[in-house]
Protein backbone atom coordinates (compact mmCIF):
# COMPACT_ATOMS: atom_id res chain seq x y z
CA MET A 1 137.52 77.00 72.34
CA ASN A 2 133.89 77.85 72.47
CA GLN A 3 132.54 81.35 71.87
CA ASP A 4 129.20 83.10 71.95
CA THR A 5 128.14 86.34 70.47
CA PHE A 6 125.15 88.31 71.72
CA GLU A 7 123.81 91.88 71.89
CA LEU A 8 124.27 93.97 75.05
CA ILE A 9 121.16 95.72 76.43
CA ASP A 10 122.72 99.18 76.88
CA GLY A 11 126.02 98.84 75.06
CA LEU A 12 129.44 100.37 75.71
CA LYS A 13 130.16 103.91 74.48
CA PRO A 14 133.84 104.69 75.21
CA VAL A 15 134.13 107.78 72.99
CA LYS A 16 131.46 108.39 70.37
CA ASP A 17 130.32 105.08 68.91
CA LEU A 18 127.95 102.85 70.78
CA HIS A 19 129.08 99.17 70.88
CA ARG A 20 126.53 96.43 71.48
CA THR A 21 127.71 93.26 69.87
CA CYS A 22 129.71 91.25 72.53
CA THR A 23 131.75 88.10 71.96
CA ILE A 24 132.93 85.98 74.89
CA ARG A 25 134.89 82.71 75.11
CA THR A 26 135.53 79.91 77.49
CA ALA A 27 138.35 80.37 79.92
CA THR A 28 141.82 78.96 79.46
CA ALA A 29 144.27 77.83 82.06
CA GLY A 30 146.21 80.94 81.17
CA ASP A 31 143.22 83.18 82.01
CA VAL A 32 142.95 81.52 85.44
CA ILE A 33 146.67 81.93 86.16
CA ASP A 34 146.71 85.56 84.99
CA ALA A 35 143.52 86.40 86.86
CA GLN A 36 144.72 84.90 90.12
CA THR A 37 148.03 86.68 89.81
CA ALA A 38 146.24 90.01 89.24
CA ALA A 39 143.94 89.33 92.20
CA GLU A 40 146.84 88.72 94.66
CA ARG A 41 148.16 91.27 97.12
CA VAL A 42 150.54 91.19 99.97
CA VAL A 43 149.25 92.28 103.39
CA HIS A 44 151.65 92.91 106.24
CA THR A 45 150.52 91.36 109.49
CA ALA A 46 152.17 91.07 112.94
CA ASP A 47 153.30 87.60 111.96
CA GLY A 48 154.84 88.79 108.74
CA PRO A 49 153.68 89.27 105.13
CA LEU A 50 150.65 87.25 103.97
CA LEU A 51 149.60 86.77 100.36
CA LEU A 52 145.83 87.17 99.80
CA VAL A 53 143.66 86.49 96.77
CA SER A 54 140.45 88.39 96.43
CA ASP A 55 137.68 86.18 95.08
CA SER A 56 135.78 89.15 93.69
CA LYS A 57 138.85 90.65 91.98
CA MET A 58 139.69 87.26 90.51
CA GLY A 59 136.12 86.98 89.05
CA TRP A 60 136.44 90.49 87.70
CA GLU A 61 139.78 89.59 86.15
CA MET A 62 138.36 86.46 84.59
CA THR A 63 135.48 88.30 83.04
CA LYS A 64 137.87 90.84 81.47
CA ARG A 65 139.84 88.08 79.95
CA GLN A 66 136.91 86.12 78.62
CA VAL A 67 135.41 89.04 76.67
CA VAL A 68 136.89 88.65 73.18
CA ARG A 69 135.51 92.02 71.96
CA ILE A 70 132.60 94.43 72.39
CA GLY A 71 131.99 95.99 68.94
CA SER A 72 135.40 97.12 67.73
CA ILE A 73 136.91 97.06 71.26
CA GLN A 74 139.17 94.14 71.50
CA GLY A 75 139.53 92.18 74.71
CA PRO A 76 140.71 91.62 77.26
CA LEU A 77 138.81 94.66 78.45
CA GLU A 78 140.50 97.39 80.42
CA ASP A 79 139.17 98.35 83.90
CA GLU A 80 137.83 101.52 82.50
CA ASP A 81 135.80 99.77 79.91
CA MET A 82 134.37 97.31 82.46
CA ARG A 83 133.39 100.25 84.68
CA ALA A 84 131.64 101.94 81.83
CA LEU A 85 129.31 98.94 81.29
CA SER A 86 125.81 99.18 82.84
CA GLY A 87 124.83 96.82 85.57
CA ARG A 88 122.44 95.06 83.21
CA ASP A 89 125.17 94.52 80.65
CA LEU A 90 127.65 93.38 83.21
CA ASN A 91 125.05 90.87 84.67
CA LEU A 92 124.33 89.70 81.11
CA ILE A 93 127.94 89.13 80.22
CA GLY A 94 128.40 87.24 83.55
CA ALA A 95 125.38 85.01 82.91
CA LYS A 96 126.45 84.29 79.36
CA ILE A 97 129.99 83.43 80.50
CA GLU A 98 128.61 81.16 83.18
CA ALA A 99 126.40 79.32 80.71
CA LEU A 100 129.31 78.93 78.19
CA ASP A 101 131.71 77.65 80.87
CA GLU A 102 129.04 75.20 82.10
CA ALA A 103 128.39 73.95 78.54
CA ALA A 104 132.15 73.43 78.07
CA TRP A 105 132.49 71.60 81.38
CA LYS A 106 129.64 69.29 80.48
CA ALA A 107 131.16 68.63 77.03
CA ALA A 108 134.51 67.79 78.66
CA LYS A 109 132.82 65.41 81.12
CA GLU A 110 130.98 63.72 78.27
CA GLN A 111 134.16 63.41 76.31
CA THR A 112 135.73 61.39 79.09
CA LYS A 113 132.89 58.90 78.81
CA ARG A 114 133.40 58.26 75.16
CA GLY A 115 134.44 54.69 74.28
CA ARG A 116 133.55 53.38 77.70
CA ASP A 117 131.05 50.67 78.25
CA GLU A 118 128.76 49.95 81.14
CA GLY A 119 130.79 47.05 82.32
CA PRO A 120 130.97 43.41 80.98
CA GLY A 121 128.49 43.00 78.24
CA GLY A 122 127.73 46.73 78.37
CA ALA A 123 125.13 48.25 76.04
CA ASP A 124 127.63 50.67 74.47
CA ARG A 125 129.81 47.80 73.28
CA ASP A 126 126.79 45.99 71.74
CA HIS A 127 125.70 49.17 69.98
CA ASP A 128 129.23 49.93 68.68
CA ALA A 129 129.52 46.44 67.22
CA GLU A 130 126.12 46.61 65.58
CA ALA A 131 127.04 50.06 64.04
CA LEU A 132 130.02 48.42 62.42
CA GLY A 133 128.06 45.50 61.11
CA GLN A 134 129.79 43.15 63.49
CA THR A 135 128.61 40.70 66.08
CA ARG A 136 130.22 40.94 69.36
CA VAL A 137 131.62 37.67 70.88
CA ASP A 138 132.48 37.58 74.55
């Protein structure tokens, strides 16, 4: 699981100590499941109950879960800690999480390409054979 540590602009001051060092991590399947469950609510309509998922609430819940810690405050963050962050720090955390998730997604896509060639006589197969000191015979 990938992590990133960086300094917040304004920091979080829950009681007396100011916390600025923030560590985040990539999302897990469990984070997605838990965030979606937390973002669900039942709405009663004329046709009966309807289960709704708030996209903004789900994003909020995902962010809370992807923060490993801010200073000595262990994640996942509580709502009150999230609300205490400045807008600048919340935007910074969001941007860092987005970059970390994008990097993890790219790495996963590249991993699926490993060991594959470009078709018959592909360049990757030739290179792999040379690296092993072998000559490839088709």
